Every structure is written in structure tokens, then in C-alpha cells.
Amino acid sequence: FRKNGSLLHPGSRDCHRKYFSYDAMVCVCNSTYCDTQDPVVLPPSGQFVVYESSKSGKRLERREGHFQNKTTNPGNFFLARVGDFRWRFLRGRTEGRDGA
């Protein structure tokens, strides 16, 4: 697959990060500012959307991409995941890790 990077979309407001230690981060929300996300919408057929959060400071950062029609080995298709995850959303269905 091919991916295109994009951090924010119209209507969303970025997280104002506050760090408490090396790996503890929160988004500040107060009377003057609070981050927001656009509503989650299923992408058109042949496209995908990824929302990513990380200990390094990413918070629901959105990326979009397109699946390619060609593969180097058309008899086999696999999708690899990189890193740890807690939830995955597949066409509107939520699945927890390890039966959660």
C-alpha cells in the first residue's frame, strides 16, 4: 500500500501537549482551548485511514492512503502491523486485543 501523511484536517484542533515525565503526556484542555477531532468517517473503497497515538507525543494523528491494485505476488496478500496496539477498527467494528 501507499500512504500520504497528514496530521490535521479542517475542523480539528491540535493537542497542546504537557509532559509530566519522559513517557507521561496529556493534552491540556482549559477555558480558552481544547483539542478536537473531526468525526470518524469510513473512507471510500480502496482507501484507508489510520489514527495513531504514541508515547512520543502523537495523539490521534490521522493518515490517509490508498491500497495498490498490483502486488509482487498476486497469490498472497498479507497485512503486517508494526508496534503495539490496543484496539483496531475494521469497517465500523471494534475488536479488542486478546479478547478484550
Protein backbone atom coordinates (compact mmCIF):
# COMPACT_ATOMS: atom_id res chain seq x y z
CA PHE A 1 0.00 0.00 0.00
CA ARG A 2 0.96 3.63 -0.42
CA LYS A 3 0.38 6.23 2.29
CA ASN A 4 0.04 10.02 2.35
CA GLY A 5 0.82 11.90 5.58
CA SER A 6 -1.49 14.46 7.09
CA LEU A 7 -1.65 15.46 10.75
CA LEU A 8 -4.71 17.69 10.92
CA HIS A 9 -7.88 18.07 8.91
CA PRO A 10 -10.25 21.03 8.67
CA GLY A 11 -12.16 21.48 11.89
CA SER A 12 -9.75 19.57 14.10
CA ARG A 13 -7.60 21.36 16.67
CA ASP A 14 -4.13 20.15 17.66
CA CYS A 15 -3.30 18.83 21.12
CA HIS A 16 -1.41 21.25 23.38
CA ARG A 17 0.94 18.71 24.94
CA LYS A 18 2.08 18.81 28.56
CA TYR A 19 4.74 16.35 29.70
CA PHE A 20 4.98 15.11 33.29
CA SER A 21 7.90 12.77 32.71
CA TYR A 22 9.68 11.00 29.88
CA ASP A 23 6.64 8.94 28.89
CA ALA A 24 3.68 10.72 30.53
CA MET A 25 1.88 13.23 28.31
CA VAL A 26 -1.59 14.77 28.43
CA CYS A 27 -3.44 17.20 26.22
CA VAL A 28 -4.21 20.44 28.02
CA CYS A 29 -7.86 21.46 27.91
CA ASN A 30 -8.96 24.62 29.71
CA SER A 31 -11.37 27.57 29.41
CA THR A 32 -9.52 29.04 26.40
CA TYR A 33 -8.51 25.99 24.37
CA CYS A 34 -9.30 22.31 23.94
CA ASP A 35 -8.23 19.95 21.16
CA THR A 36 -10.86 18.34 18.96
CA GLN A 37 -11.02 15.66 16.29
CA ASP A 38 -13.15 15.51 13.19
CA PRO A 39 -15.87 12.84 13.23
CA VAL A 40 -14.62 9.42 12.11
CA VAL A 41 -15.92 8.67 8.61
CA LEU A 42 -15.33 5.46 6.68
CA PRO A 43 -13.06 6.06 3.66
CA PRO A 44 -14.12 5.23 0.10
CA SER A 45 -13.46 1.74 -1.23
CA GLY A 46 -9.76 1.15 -1.91
CA GLN A 47 -8.60 3.69 0.68
CA PHE A 48 -7.71 3.52 4.37
CA VAL A 49 -7.42 5.86 7.34
CA VAL A 50 -5.04 5.38 10.28
CA TYR A 51 -5.33 7.19 13.62
CA GLU A 52 -2.11 6.90 15.60
CA SER A 53 -1.19 7.76 19.19
CA SER A 54 2.19 7.15 20.79
CA LYS A 55 4.20 7.71 23.95
CA SER A 56 6.42 10.07 21.94
CA GLY A 57 3.58 12.59 21.64
CA LYS A 58 1.32 11.63 18.75
CA ARG A 59 -2.35 11.92 19.66
CA LEU A 60 -4.88 10.51 17.21
CA GLU A 61 -2.85 11.77 14.26
CA ARG A 62 -4.68 10.93 11.05
CA ARG A 63 -3.06 9.49 7.94
CA GLU A 64 -4.80 8.51 4.72
CA GLY A 65 -3.71 6.18 1.98
CA HIS A 66 -4.71 4.06 -0.98
CA PHE A 67 -4.33 0.33 -1.44
CA GLN A 68 -2.42 -0.54 -4.60
CA ASN A 69 -4.01 -2.88 -7.11
CA LYS A 70 -0.72 -4.55 -8.01
CA THR A 71 1.27 -6.88 -5.79
CA THR A 72 4.59 -8.57 -6.45
CA ASN A 73 2.98 -11.94 -5.67
CA PRO A 74 -0.73 -11.81 -6.55
CA GLY A 75 -1.39 -15.22 -4.96
CA ASN A 76 -0.55 -13.99 -1.47
CA PHE A 77 -1.66 -10.93 0.44
CA PHE A 78 -0.73 -10.07 3.99
CA LEU A 79 -1.09 -7.05 6.22
CA ALA A 80 1.59 -6.51 8.84
CA ARG A 81 1.18 -4.49 11.99
CA VAL A 82 4.09 -2.55 13.45
CA GLY A 83 4.16 -1.76 17.15
CA ASP A 84 1.71 -2.46 19.92
CA PHE A 85 -1.99 -1.72 19.66
CA ARG A 86 -4.95 -1.88 22.00
CA TRP A 87 -7.90 -1.56 19.59
CA ARG A 88 -8.47 -1.83 15.89
CA PHE A 89 -11.46 -0.54 13.99
CA LEU A 90 -12.47 -2.50 10.90
CA ARG A 91 -15.26 -1.02 8.78
CA GLY A 92 -17.14 0.20 11.84
CA ARG A 93 -16.49 -2.86 14.02
CA THR A 94 -14.27 -2.61 17.11
CA GLU A 95 -12.10 -5.53 18.12
CA GLY A 96 -10.06 -5.66 21.32
CA ARG A 97 -6.67 -7.27 21.67
CA ASP A 98 -6.50 -10.63 23.43
CA GLY A 99 -10.27 -10.95 23.61
CA ALA A 100 -10.72 -7.62 25.40
